[in-house]
């Protein structure tokens, strides 16, 4: 993920010694507060994205436990059609591992979430 780039902050100069008119000082203060608000909003958005990613990882791990699959095999979770499969499967494993249907969230995972 690329780092989020914010507009460059204005050089830190003591505003007492800056030769700016009062209108320019006011504009500078407004611009600085706007940049601070944008930075806080981006940090909040990033925190919510990390929370959603961690919830999805927990959901995938609980699905692996429910379906009794090994955790380090690199499964693909297709939530659109509801299947879990392993793309790098060897030909002799193909008969053993068919695509397994993901169980509905309220039925299968809810019990796991309650027990945690």
PDB file of N, CA and C in Angstrom:
ATOM      1  N   UNK A   1       0.842  -1.167   0.000  1.00  0.00           N
ATOM      2  CA  UNK A   1       0.000   0.000   0.000  1.00  0.00           C
ATOM      3  C   UNK A   1       0.893   1.237   0.000  1.00  0.00           C
ATOM      4  N   UNK A   2       0.608   2.171  -0.884  1.00  0.00           N
ATOM      5  CA  UNK A   2       1.407   3.385  -0.979  1.00  0.00           C
ATOM      6  C   UNK A   2       1.139   4.293   0.217  1.00  0.00           C
ATOM      7  N   UNK A   3       2.168   4.996   0.687  1.00  0.00           N
ATOM      8  CA  UNK A   3       1.924   5.939   1.787  1.00  0.00           C
ATOM      9  C   UNK A   3       1.047   7.097   1.323  1.00  0.00           C
ATOM     10  N   UNK A   4       0.252   7.599   2.230  1.00  0.00           N
ATOM     11  CA  UNK A   4      -0.656   8.701   1.917  1.00  0.00           C
ATOM     12  C   UNK A   4       0.136  10.000   1.930  1.00  0.00           C
ATOM     13  N   UNK A   5       0.044  10.754   0.851  1.00  0.00           N
ATOM     14  CA  UNK A   5       0.791  12.010   0.762  1.00  0.00           C
ATOM     15  C   UNK A   5      -0.131  13.174   1.083  1.00  0.00           C
ATOM     16  N   UNK A   6       0.303  13.985   1.995  1.00  0.00           N
ATOM     17  CA  UNK A   6      -0.435  15.188   2.355  1.00  0.00           C
ATOM     18  C   UNK A   6       0.266  16.382   1.728  1.00  0.00           C
ATOM     19  N   UNK A   7      -0.442  17.486   1.550  1.00  0.00           N
ATOM     20  CA  UNK A   7       0.238  18.673   1.031  1.00  0.00           C
ATOM     21  C   UNK A   7       1.352  19.099   1.980  1.00  0.00           C
ATOM     22  N   UNK A   8       2.400  19.666   1.404  1.00  0.00           N
ATOM     23  CA  UNK A   8       3.535  20.067   2.234  1.00  0.00           C
ATOM     24  C   UNK A   8       3.097  21.117   3.251  1.00  0.00           C
ATOM     25  N   UNK A   9       3.552  20.929   4.466  1.00  0.00           N
ATOM     26  CA  UNK A   9       3.245  21.917   5.496  1.00  0.00           C
ATOM     27  C   UNK A   9       4.134  23.139   5.294  1.00  0.00           C
ATOM     28  N   UNK A  10       3.625  24.254   5.714  1.00  0.00           N
ATOM     29  CA  UNK A  10       4.364  25.505   5.585  1.00  0.00           C
ATOM     30  C   UNK A  10       5.540  25.465   6.550  1.00  0.00           C
ATOM     31  N   UNK A  11       6.660  26.042   6.128  1.00  0.00           N
ATOM     32  CA  UNK A  11       7.839  26.064   6.991  1.00  0.00           C
ATOM     33  C   UNK A  11       7.496  26.644   8.350  1.00  0.00           C
ATOM     34  N   UNK A  12       8.103  26.064   9.366  1.00  0.00           N
ATOM     35  CA  UNK A  12       7.831  26.549  10.712  1.00  0.00           C
ATOM     36  C   UNK A  12       8.605  27.844  10.943  1.00  0.00           C
ATOM     37  N   UNK A  13       7.898  28.930  10.916  1.00  0.00           N
ATOM     38  CA  UNK A  13       8.475  30.254  11.151  1.00  0.00           C
ATOM     39  C   UNK A  13       7.642  30.889  12.248  1.00  0.00           C
ATOM     40  N   UNK A  14       8.300  31.511  13.173  1.00  0.00           N
ATOM     41  CA  UNK A  14       7.564  32.191  14.221  1.00  0.00           C
ATOM     42  C   UNK A  14       6.705  33.282  13.589  1.00  0.00           C
ATOM     43  N   UNK A  15       5.417  33.212  13.831  1.00  0.00           N
ATOM     44  CA  UNK A  15       4.509  34.165  13.199  1.00  0.00           C
ATOM     45  C   UNK A  15       4.685  35.572  13.751  1.00  0.00           C
ATOM     46  N   UNK A  16       5.333  35.680  14.897  1.00  0.00           N
ATOM     47  CA  UNK A  16       5.577  37.016  15.437  1.00  0.00           C
ATOM     48  C   UNK A  16       6.576  37.785  14.578  1.00  0.00           C
ATOM     49  N   UNK A  17       7.545  37.070  14.004  1.00  0.00           N
ATOM     50  CA  UNK A  17       8.583  37.721  13.215  1.00  0.00           C
ATOM     51  C   UNK A  17       8.279  37.709  11.719  1.00  0.00           C
ATOM     52  N   UNK A  18       7.226  37.018  11.324  1.00  0.00           N
ATOM     53  CA  UNK A  18       6.905  36.953   9.895  1.00  0.00           C
ATOM     54  C   UNK A  18       6.345  38.294   9.440  1.00  0.00           C
ATOM     55  N   UNK A  19       6.755  38.699   8.251  1.00  0.00           N
ATOM     56  CA  UNK A  19       6.284  39.980   7.719  1.00  0.00           C
ATOM     57  C   UNK A  19       5.069  39.718   6.837  1.00  0.00           C
ATOM     58  N   UNK A  20       3.971  39.391   7.504  1.00  0.00           N
ATOM     59  CA  UNK A  20       2.729  39.100   6.790  1.00  0.00           C
ATOM     60  C   UNK A  20       1.654  40.055   7.271  1.00  0.00           C
ATOM     61  N   UNK A  21       0.740  40.308   6.385  1.00  0.00           N
ATOM     62  CA  UNK A  21      -0.395  41.148   6.778  1.00  0.00           C
ATOM     63  C   UNK A  21      -1.348  40.303   7.629  1.00  0.00           C
ATOM     64  N   UNK A  22      -2.239  40.938   8.374  1.00  0.00           N
ATOM     65  CA  UNK A  22      -3.186  40.171   9.198  1.00  0.00           C
ATOM     66  C   UNK A  22      -4.050  39.223   8.368  1.00  0.00           C
ATOM     67  N   UNK A  23      -4.413  39.625   7.128  1.00  0.00           N
ATOM     68  CA  UNK A  23      -5.211  38.740   6.274  1.00  0.00           C
ATOM     69  C   UNK A  23      -4.412  37.494   5.891  1.00  0.00           C
ATOM     70  N   UNK A  24      -3.120  37.696   5.596  1.00  0.00           N
ATOM     71  CA  UNK A  24      -2.283  36.556   5.232  1.00  0.00           C
ATOM     72  C   UNK A  24      -2.067  35.626   6.423  1.00  0.00           C
ATOM     73  N   UNK A  25      -1.907  36.215   7.616  1.00  0.00           N
ATOM     74  CA  UNK A  25      -1.771  35.385   8.816  1.00  0.00           C
ATOM     75  C   UNK A  25      -3.035  34.571   9.067  1.00  0.00           C
ATOM     76  N   UNK A  26      -4.187  35.196   8.877  1.00  0.00           N
ATOM     77  CA  UNK A  26      -5.450  34.494   9.064  1.00  0.00           C
ATOM     78  C   UNK A  26      -5.599  33.362   8.047  1.00  0.00           C
ATOM     79  N   UNK A  27      -5.235  33.630   6.793  1.00  0.00           N
ATOM     80  CA  UNK A  27      -5.303  32.595   5.759  1.00  0.00           C
ATOM     81  C   UNK A  27      -4.345  31.448   6.075  1.00  0.00           C
ATOM     82  N   UNK A  28      -3.170  31.794   6.589  1.00  0.00           N
ATOM     83  CA  UNK A  28      -2.188  30.778   6.957  1.00  0.00           C
ATOM     84  C   UNK A  28      -2.709  29.902   8.088  1.00  0.00           C
ATOM     85  N   UNK A  29      -3.327  30.520   9.081  1.00  0.00           N
ATOM     86  CA  UNK A  29      -3.892  29.747  10.197  1.00  0.00           C
ATOM     87  C   UNK A  29      -5.027  28.843   9.721  1.00  0.00           C
ATOM     88  N   UNK A  30      -5.896  29.372   8.849  1.00  0.00           N
ATOM     89  CA  UNK A  30      -6.995  28.551   8.314  1.00  0.00           C
ATOM     90  C   UNK A  30      -6.462  27.363   7.515  1.00  0.00           C
ATOM     91  N   UNK A  31      -5.437  27.628   6.712  1.00  0.00           N
ATOM     92  CA  UNK A  31      -4.860  26.561   5.897  1.00  0.00           C
ATOM     93  C   UNK A  31      -4.231  25.488   6.781  1.00  0.00           C
ATOM     94  N   UNK A  32      -3.556  25.911   7.821  1.00  0.00           N
ATOM     95  CA  UNK A  32      -2.923  24.959   8.730  1.00  0.00           C
ATOM     96  C   UNK A  32      -3.973  24.104   9.442  1.00  0.00           C
ATOM     97  N   UNK A  33      -5.062  24.726   9.903  1.00  0.00           N
ATOM     98  CA  UNK A  33      -6.114  23.947  10.568  1.00  0.00           C
ATOM     99  C   UNK A  33      -6.776  22.983   9.585  1.00  0.00           C
ATOM    100  N   UNK A  34      -6.928  23.389   8.328  1.00  0.00           N
ATOM    101  CA  UNK A  34      -7.503  22.498   7.322  1.00  0.00           C
ATOM    102  C   UNK A  34      -6.600  21.281   7.101  1.00  0.00           C
ATOM    103  N   UNK A  35      -5.295  21.516   7.044  1.00  0.00           N
ATOM    104  CA  UNK A  35      -4.351  20.404   6.865  1.00  0.00           C
ATOM    105  C   UNK A  35      -4.401  19.475   8.072  1.00  0.00           C
ATOM    106  N   UNK A  36      -4.492  20.037   9.264  1.00  0.00           N
ATOM    107  CA  UNK A  36      -4.579  19.212  10.467  1.00  0.00           C
ATOM    108  C   UNK A  36      -5.849  18.366  10.457  1.00  0.00           C
ATOM    109  N   UNK A  37      -6.974  18.961  10.043  1.00  0.00           N
ATOM    110  CA  UNK A  37      -8.230  18.205   9.982  1.00  0.00           C
ATOM    111  C   UNK A  37      -8.141  17.074   8.966  1.00  0.00           C
ATOM    112  N   UNK A  38      -7.521  17.354   7.799  1.00  0.00           N
ATOM    113  CA  UNK A  38      -7.366  16.303   6.788  1.00  0.00           C
ATOM    114  C   UNK A  38      -6.496  15.171   7.318  1.00  0.00           C
ATOM    115  N   UNK A  39      -5.427  15.519   8.018  1.00  0.00           N
ATOM    116  CA  UNK A  39      -4.542  14.495   8.570  1.00  0.00           C
ATOM    117  C   UNK A  39      -5.284  13.640   9.594  1.00  0.00           C
ATOM    118  N   UNK A  40      -6.071  14.257  10.472  1.00  0.00           N
ATOM    119  CA  UNK A  40      -6.835  13.500  11.462  1.00  0.00           C
ATOM    120  C   UNK A  40      -7.858  12.599  10.790  1.00  0.00           C
ATOM    121  N   UNK A  41      -8.519  13.109   9.748  1.00  0.00           N
ATOM    122  CA  UNK A  41      -9.511  12.306   9.033  1.00  0.00           C
ATOM    123  C   UNK A  41      -8.850  11.104   8.354  1.00  0.00           C
ATOM    124  N   UNK A  42      -7.684  11.299   7.743  1.00  0.00           N
ATOM    125  CA  UNK A  42      -6.980  10.192   7.102  1.00  0.00           C
ATOM    126  C   UNK A  42      -6.527   9.156   8.127  1.00  0.00           C
ATOM    127  N   UNK A  43      -6.098   9.613   9.301  1.00  0.00           N
ATOM    128  CA  UNK A  43      -5.700   8.664  10.339  1.00  0.00           C
ATOM    129  C   UNK A  43      -6.898   7.855  10.820  1.00  0.00           C
ATOM    130  N   UNK A  44      -8.064   8.493  10.959  1.00  0.00           N
ATOM    131  CA  UNK A  44      -9.269   7.767  11.354  1.00  0.00           C
ATOM    132  C   UNK A  44      -9.666   6.750  10.290  1.00  0.00           C
ATOM    133  N   UNK A  45      -9.599   7.153   9.009  1.00  0.00           N
ATOM    134  CA  UNK A  45      -9.942   6.233   7.926  1.00  0.00           C
ATOM    135  C   UNK A  45      -8.985   5.047   7.898  1.00  0.00           C
ATOM    136  N   UNK A  46      -7.710   5.307   8.095  1.00  0.00           N
ATOM    137  CA  UNK A  46      -6.721   4.235   8.096  1.00  0.00           C
ATOM    138  C   UNK A  46      -6.958   3.280   9.261  1.00  0.00           C
ATOM    139  N   UNK A  47      -7.334   3.809  10.408  1.00  0.00           N
ATOM    140  CA  UNK A  47      -7.620   2.960  11.565  1.00  0.00           C
ATOM    141  C   UNK A  47      -8.834   2.081  11.298  1.00  0.00           C
ATOM    142  N   UNK A  48      -9.871   2.638  10.650  1.00  0.00           N
ATOM    143  CA  UNK A  48     -11.054   1.829  10.364  1.00  0.00           C
ATOM    144  C   UNK A  48     -10.743   0.752   9.330  1.00  0.00           C
ATOM    145  N   UNK A  49      -9.886   1.056   8.351  1.00  0.00           N
ATOM    146  CA  UNK A  49      -9.496   0.045   7.359  1.00  0.00           C
ATOM    147  C   UNK A  49      -8.735  -1.089   8.032  1.00  0.00           C
ATOM    148  N   UNK A  50      -7.828  -0.759   8.950  1.00  0.00           N
ATOM    149  CA  UNK A  50      -7.082  -1.799   9.659  1.00  0.00           C
ATOM    150  C   UNK A  50      -8.010  -2.655  10.507  1.00  0.00           C
ATOM    151  N   UNK A  51      -9.019  -2.036  11.113  1.00  0.00           N
ATOM    152  CA  UNK A  51      -9.978  -2.786  11.913  1.00  0.00           C
ATOM    153  C   UNK A  51     -10.759  -3.758  11.041  1.00  0.00           C
ATOM    154  N   UNK A  52     -11.209  -3.308   9.870  1.00  0.00           N
ATOM    155  CA  UNK A  52     -11.963  -4.177   8.964  1.00  0.00           C
ATOM    156  C   UNK A  52     -11.086  -5.329   8.477  1.00  0.00           C
ATOM    157  N   UNK A  53      -9.820  -5.046   8.158  1.00  0.00           N
ATOM    158  CA  UNK A  53      -8.912  -6.108   7.717  1.00  0.00           C
ATOM    159  C   UNK A  53      -8.698  -7.147   8.816  1.00  0.00           C
ATOM    160  N   UNK A  54      -8.549  -6.699  10.054  1.00  0.00           N
ATOM    161  CA  UNK A  54      -8.346  -7.654  11.142  1.00  0.00           C
ATOM    162  C   UNK A  54      -9.603  -8.483  11.381  1.00  0.00           C
ATOM    163  N   UNK A  55     -10.792  -7.870  11.246  1.00  0.00           N
ATOM    164  CA  UNK A  55     -12.037  -8.625  11.387  1.00  0.00           C
ATOM    165  C   UNK A  55     -12.163  -9.677  10.290  1.00  0.00           C
ATOM    166  N   UNK A  56     -11.777  -9.315   9.057  1.00  0.00           N
ATOM    167  CA  UNK A  56     -11.861 -10.267   7.953  1.00  0.00           C
ATOM    168  C   UNK A  56     -10.866 -11.412   8.146  1.00  0.00           C
ATOM    169  N   UNK A  57      -9.673 -11.109   8.664  1.00  0.00           N
ATOM    170  CA  UNK A  57      -8.697 -12.168   8.940  1.00  0.00           C
ATOM    171  C   UNK A  57      -9.237 -13.128   9.998  1.00  0.00           C
ATOM    172  N   UNK A  58      -9.874 -12.578  11.034  1.00  0.00           N
ATOM    173  CA  UNK A  58     -10.460 -13.437  12.064  1.00  0.00           C
ATOM    174  C   UNK A  58     -11.575 -14.292  11.474  1.00  0.00           C
ATOM    175  N   UNK A  59     -12.378 -13.711  10.581  1.00  0.00           N
ATOM    176  CA  UNK A  59     -13.459 -14.446   9.925  1.00  0.00           C
ATOM    177  C   UNK A  59     -12.884 -15.594   9.093  1.00  0.00           C
ATOM    178  N   UNK A  60     -11.798 -15.326   8.350  1.00  0.00           N
ATOM    179  CA  UNK A  60     -11.192 -16.379   7.534  1.00  0.00           C
ATOM    180  C   UNK A  60     -10.623 -17.494   8.412  1.00  0.00           C
ATOM    181  N   UNK A  61      -9.970 -17.129   9.515  1.00  0.00           N
ATOM    182  CA  UNK A  61      -9.402 -18.148  10.400  1.00  0.00           C
ATOM    183  C   UNK A  61     -10.497 -19.001  11.034  1.00  0.00           C
ATOM    184  N   UNK A  62     -11.608 -18.372  11.415  1.00  0.00           N
ATOM    185  CA  UNK A  62     -12.699 -19.152  11.999  1.00  0.00           C
ATOM    186  C   UNK A  62     -13.345 -20.051  10.951  1.00  0.00           C
ATOM    187  N   UNK A  63     -13.403 -19.596   9.684  1.00  0.00           N
ATOM    188  CA  UNK A  63     -13.913 -20.469   8.621  1.00  0.00           C
ATOM    189  C   UNK A  63     -12.997 -21.669   8.415  1.00  0.00           C
ATOM    190  N   UNK A  64     -11.691 -21.453   8.470  1.00  0.00           N
ATOM    191  CA  UNK A  64     -10.766 -22.580   8.331  1.00  0.00           C
ATOM    192  C   UNK A  64     -10.963 -23.587   9.460  1.00  0.00           C
ATOM    193  N   UNK A  65     -11.227 -23.100  10.668  1.00  0.00           N
ATOM    194  CA  UNK A  65     -11.482 -24.009  11.787  1.00  0.00           C
ATOM    195  C   UNK A  65     -12.784 -24.773  11.586  1.00  0.00           C
ATOM    196  N   UNK A  66     -13.822 -24.090  11.136  1.00  0.00           N
ATOM    197  CA  UNK A  66     -15.121 -24.732  10.956  1.00  0.00           C
ATOM    198  C   UNK A  66     -15.062 -25.774   9.843  1.00  0.00           C
ATOM    199  N   UNK A  67     -14.399 -25.435   8.734  1.00  0.00           N
ATOM    200  CA  UNK A  67     -14.315 -26.357   7.600  1.00  0.00           C
ATOM    201  C   UNK A  67     -13.212 -27.394   7.773  1.00  0.00           C
ATOM    202  N   UNK A  68     -12.463 -27.324   8.879  1.00  0.00           N
ATOM    203  CA  UNK A  68     -11.377 -28.256   9.193  1.00  0.00           C
ATOM    204  C   UNK A  68     -10.336 -28.291   8.082  1.00  0.00           C
ATOM    205  N   UNK A  69      -9.859 -27.107   7.704  1.00  0.00           N
ATOM    206  CA  UNK A  69      -8.811 -26.976   6.692  1.00  0.00           C
ATOM    207  C   UNK A  69      -7.524 -26.533   7.376  1.00  0.00           C
ATOM    208  N   UNK A  70      -6.387 -26.866   6.768  1.00  0.00           N
ATOM    209  CA  UNK A  70      -5.103 -26.476   7.345  1.00  0.00           C
ATOM    210  C   UNK A  70      -4.854 -24.991   7.105  1.00  0.00           C
ATOM    211  N   UNK A  71      -4.256 -24.336   8.089  1.00  0.00           N
ATOM    212  CA  UNK A  71      -4.179 -22.873   8.070  1.00  0.00           C
ATOM    213  C   UNK A  71      -3.116 -22.318   7.141  1.00  0.00           C
ATOM    214  N   UNK A  72      -2.041 -23.038   6.862  1.00  0.00           N
ATOM    215  CA  UNK A  72      -0.928 -22.465   6.107  1.00  0.00           C
ATOM    216  C   UNK A  72      -0.924 -22.893   4.647  1.00  0.00           C
ATOM    217  N   UNK A  73      -2.053 -23.238   4.085  1.00  0.00           N
ATOM    218  CA  UNK A  73      -2.094 -23.747   2.723  1.00  0.00           C
ATOM    219  C   UNK A  73      -2.442 -22.691   1.684  1.00  0.00           C
ATOM    220  N   UNK A  74      -2.801 -21.498   2.051  1.00  0.00           N
ATOM    221  CA  UNK A  74      -3.066 -20.430   1.083  1.00  0.00           C
ATOM    222  C   UNK A  74      -4.370 -20.600   0.332  1.00  0.00           C
ATOM    223  N   UNK A  75      -5.469 -20.574   1.017  1.00  0.00           N
ATOM    224  CA  UNK A  75      -6.779 -20.720   0.392  1.00  0.00           C
ATOM    225  C   UNK A  75      -7.275 -19.385  -0.138  1.00  0.00           C
ATOM    226  N   UNK A  76      -8.071 -19.445  -1.181  1.00  0.00           N
ATOM    227  CA  UNK A  76      -8.753 -18.255  -1.694  1.00  0.00           C
ATOM    228  C   UNK A  76     -10.187 -18.280  -1.200  1.00  0.00           C
ATOM    229  N   UNK A  77     -10.626 -17.163  -0.664  1.00  0.00           N
ATOM    230  CA  UNK A  77     -11.992 -17.032  -0.175  1.00  0.00           C
ATOM    231  C   UNK A  77     -12.754 -16.178  -1.169  1.00  0.00           C
ATOM    232  N   UNK A  78     -13.662 -16.779  -1.912  1.00  0.00           N
ATOM    233  CA  UNK A  78     -14.475 -16.039  -2.867  1.00  0.00           C
ATOM    234  C   UNK A  78     -15.830 -15.812  -2.217  1.00  0.00           C
ATOM    235  N   UNK A  79     -16.036 -14.619  -1.700  1.00  0.00           N
ATOM    236  CA  UNK A  79     -17.274 -14.340  -0.971  1.00  0.00           C
ATOM    237  C   UNK A  79     -18.433 -14.031  -1.901  1.00  0.00           C
ATOM    238  N   UNK A  80     -18.166 -13.825  -3.200  1.00  0.00           N
ATOM    239  CA  UNK A  80     -19.261 -13.544  -4.128  1.00  0.00           C
ATOM    240  C   UNK A  80     -20.043 -14.809  -4.451  1.00  0.00           C
ATOM    241  N   UNK A  81     -19.333 -15.905  -4.768  1.00  0.00           N
ATOM    242  CA  UNK A  81     -20.072 -17.137  -5.041  1.00  0.00           C
ATOM    243  C   UNK A  81     -20.038 -18.096  -3.860  1.00  0.00           C
ATOM    244  N   UNK A  82     -19.285 -17.761  -2.805  1.00  0.00           N
ATOM    245  CA  UNK A  82     -19.343 -18.528  -1.571  1.00  0.00           C
ATOM    246  C   UNK A  82     -18.487 -19.776  -1.545  1.00  0.00           C
ATOM    247  N   UNK A  83     -17.321 -19.772  -2.198  1.00  0.00           N
ATOM    248  CA  UNK A  83     -16.468 -20.950  -2.201  1.00  0.00           C
ATOM    249  C   UNK A  83     -15.083 -20.641  -1.650  1.00  0.00           C
ATOM    250  N   UNK A  84     -14.496 -21.681  -1.038  1.00  0.00           N
ATOM    251  CA  UNK A  84     -13.112 -21.634  -0.589  1.00  0.00           C
ATOM    252  C   UNK A  84     -12.365 -22.664  -1.418  1.00  0.00           C
ATOM    253  N   UNK A  85     -11.261 -22.281  -2.029  1.00  0.00           N
ATOM    254  CA  UNK A  85     -10.469 -23.265  -2.763  1.00  0.00           C
ATOM    255  C   UNK A  85      -9.001 -22.896  -2.700  1.00  0.00           C
ATOM    256  N   UNK A  86      -8.160 -23.848  -3.071  1.00  0.00           N
ATOM    257  CA  UNK A  86      -6.718 -23.650  -3.063  1.00  0.00           C
ATOM    258  C   UNK A  86      -6.216 -23.676  -4.501  1.00  0.00           C
ATOM    259  N   UNK A  87      -5.684 -22.566  -5.014  1.00  0.00           N
ATOM    260  CA  UNK A  87      -5.324 -22.508  -6.431  1.00  0.00           C
ATOM    261  C   UNK A  87      -4.083 -23.318  -6.790  1.00  0.00           C
ATOM    262  N   UNK A  88      -3.125 -23.463  -5.893  1.00  0.00           N
ATOM    263  CA  UNK A  88      -1.870 -24.150  -6.214  1.00  0.00           C
ATOM    264  C   UNK A  88      -1.915 -25.613  -5.798  1.00  0.00           C
ATOM    265  N   UNK A  89      -2.999 -26.277  -6.111  1.00  0.00           N
ATOM    266  CA  UNK A  89      -3.172 -27.643  -5.691  1.00  0.00           C
ATOM    267  C   UNK A  89      -2.454 -28.593  -6.649  1.00  0.00           C
ATOM    268  N   UNK A  90      -1.829 -29.620  -6.103  1.00  0.00           N
ATOM    269  CA  UNK A  90      -1.171 -30.630  -6.932  1.00  0.00           C
ATOM    270  C   UNK A  90      -2.243 -31.526  -7.555  1.00  0.00           C
ATOM    271  N   UNK A  91      -1.973 -32.134  -8.712  1.00  0.00           N
ATOM    272  CA  UNK A  91      -3.024 -32.904  -9.401  1.00  0.00           C
ATOM    273  C   UNK A  91      -3.570 -34.064  -8.582  1.00  0.00           C
ATOM    274  N   UNK A  92      -2.726 -34.722  -7.767  1.00  0.00           N
ATOM    275  CA  UNK A  92      -3.234 -35.852  -6.998  1.00  0.00           C
ATOM    276  C   UNK A  92      -4.076 -35.412  -5.805  1.00  0.00           C
ATOM    277  N   UNK A  93      -3.987 -34.120  -5.431  1.00  0.00           N
ATOM    278  CA  UNK A  93      -4.832 -33.619  -4.339  1.00  0.00           C
ATOM    279  C   UNK A  93      -6.174 -33.124  -4.850  1.00  0.00           C
ATOM    280  N   UNK A  94      -6.317 -33.021  -6.157  1.00  0.00           N
ATOM    281  CA  UNK A  94      -7.521 -32.417  -6.719  1.00  0.00           C
ATOM    282  C   UNK A  94      -8.774 -33.209  -6.372  1.00  0.00           C
ATOM    283  N   UNK A  95      -8.667 -34.530  -6.323  1.00  0.00           N
ATOM    284  CA  UNK A  95      -9.834 -35.335  -5.989  1.00  0.00           C
ATOM    285  C   UNK A  95     -10.231 -35.201  -4.536  1.00  0.00           C
ATOM    286  N   UNK A  96      -9.236 -34.990  -3.669  1.00  0.00           N
ATOM    287  CA  UNK A  96      -9.541 -34.878  -2.241  1.00  0.00           C
ATOM    288  C   UNK A  96     -10.184 -33.552  -1.884  1.00  0.00           C
ATOM    289  N   UNK A  97      -9.706 -32.483  -2.508  1.00  0.00           N
ATOM    290  CA  UNK A  97     -10.149 -31.143  -2.107  1.00  0.00           C
ATOM    291  C   UNK A  97     -11.044 -30.555  -3.178  1.00  0.00           C
ATOM    292  N   UNK A  98     -12.305 -30.714  -3.025  1.00  0.00           N
ATOM    293  CA  UNK A  98     -13.258 -30.043  -3.900  1.00  0.00           C
ATOM    294  C   UNK A  98     -13.513 -28.658  -3.323  1.00  0.00           C
ATOM    295  N   UNK A  99     -14.097 -27.791  -4.128  1.00  0.00           N
ATOM    296  CA  UNK A  99     -14.441 -26.469  -3.608  1.00  0.00           C
ATOM    297  C   UNK A  99     -15.488 -26.634  -2.519  1.00  0.00           C
ATOM    298  N   UNK A 100     -15.205 -26.066  -1.376  1.00  0.00           N
ATOM    299  CA  UNK A 100     -16.143 -26.169  -0.258  1.00  0.00           C
ATOM    300  C   UNK A 100     -16.959 -24.894  -0.179  1.00  0.00           C
ATOM    301  N   UNK A 101     -18.230 -25.060   0.045  1.00  0.00           N
ATOM    302  CA  UNK A 101     -19.130 -23.922   0.155  1.00  0.00           C
ATOM    303  C   UNK A 101     -18.932 -23.257   1.513  1.00  0.00           C
ATOM    304  N   UNK A 102     -18.833 -21.934   1.515  1.00  0.00           N
ATOM    305  CA  UNK A 102     -18.710 -21.188   2.766  1.00  0.00           C
ATOM    306  C   UNK A 102     -20.071 -21.209   3.459  1.00  0.00           C
ATOM    307  N   UNK A 103     -20.118 -21.636   4.724  1.00  0.00           N
ATOM    308  CA  UNK A 103     -21.406 -21.634   5.413  1.00  0.00           C
ATOM    309  C   UNK A 103     -21.881 -20.210   5.674  1.00  0.00           C
ATOM    310  N   UNK A 104     -23.171 -20.082   5.874  1.00  0.00           N
ATOM    311  CA  UNK A 104     -23.729 -18.757   6.156  1.00  0.00           C
ATOM    312  C   UNK A 104     -23.122 -18.222   7.447  1.00  0.00           C
ATOM    313  N   UNK A 105     -22.906 -16.915   7.474  1.00  0.00           N
ATOM    314  CA  UNK A 105     -22.253 -16.289   8.626  1.00  0.00           C
ATOM    315  C   UNK A 105     -23.026 -16.484   9.926  1.00  0.00           C
ATOM    316  N   UNK A 106     -24.339 -16.229   9.960  1.00  0.00           N
ATOM    317  CA  UNK A 106     -25.020 -16.337  11.259  1.00  0.00           C
ATOM    318  C   UNK A 106     -25.008 -17.749  11.825  1.00  0.00           C
ATOM    319  N   UNK A 107     -25.086 -18.780  10.964  1.00  0.00           N
ATOM    320  CA  UNK A 107     -25.187 -20.146  11.476  1.00  0.00           C
ATOM    321  C   UNK A 107     -23.852 -20.675  11.983  1.00  0.00           C
ATOM    322  N   UNK A 108     -22.824 -20.565  11.163  1.00  0.00           N
ATOM    323  CA  UNK A 108     -21.579 -21.252  11.484  1.00  0.00           C
ATOM    324  C   UNK A 108     -20.638 -20.425  12.349  1.00  0.00           C
ATOM    325  N   UNK A 109     -20.435 -19.183  12.008  1.00  0.00           N
ATOM    326  CA  UNK A 109     -19.403 -18.391  12.675  1.00  0.00           C
ATOM    327  C   UNK A 109     -19.931 -17.723  13.927  1.00  0.00           C
ATOM    328  N   UNK A 110     -21.225 -17.519  14.014  1.00  0.00           N
ATOM    329  CA  UNK A 110     -21.788 -16.818  15.166  1.00  0.00           C
ATOM    330  C   UNK A 110     -21.505 -17.593  16.452  1.00  0.00           C
ATOM    331  N   UNK A 111     -21.585 -18.919  16.380  1.00  0.00           N
ATOM    332  CA  UNK A 111     -21.277 -19.716  17.571  1.00  0.00           C
ATOM    333  C   UNK A 111     -19.830 -19.530  17.982  1.00  0.00           C
ATOM    334  N   UNK A 112     -18.936 -19.453  16.985  1.00  0.00           N
ATOM    335  CA  UNK A 112     -17.525 -19.254  17.292  1.00  0.00           C
ATOM    336  C   UNK A 112     -17.291 -17.878  17.904  1.00  0.00           C
ATOM    337  N   UNK A 113     -17.984 -16.858  17.380  1.00  0.00           N
ATOM    338  CA  UNK A 113     -17.804 -15.507  17.895  1.00  0.00           C
ATOM    339  C   UNK A 113     -18.332 -15.380  19.316  1.00  0.00           C
ATOM    340  N   UNK A 114     -19.407 -16.111  19.633  1.00  0.00           N
ATOM    341  CA  UNK A 114     -19.977 -16.043  20.977  1.00  0.00           C
ATOM    342  C   UNK A 114     -19.034 -16.706  21.972  1.00  0.00           C
ATOM    343  N   UNK A 115     -18.366 -17.783  21.555  1.00  0.00           N
ATOM    344  CA  UNK A 115     -17.485 -18.516  22.464  1.00  0.00           C
ATOM    345  C   UNK A 115     -16.182 -17.790  22.744  1.00  0.00           C
ATOM    346  N   UNK A 116     -15.833 -16.778  21.943  1.00  0.00           N
ATOM    347  CA  UNK A 116     -14.553 -16.081  22.123  1.00  0.00           C
ATOM    348  C   UNK A 116     -14.598 -15.106  23.240  1.00  0.00           C
TER     349      UNK A 116
END
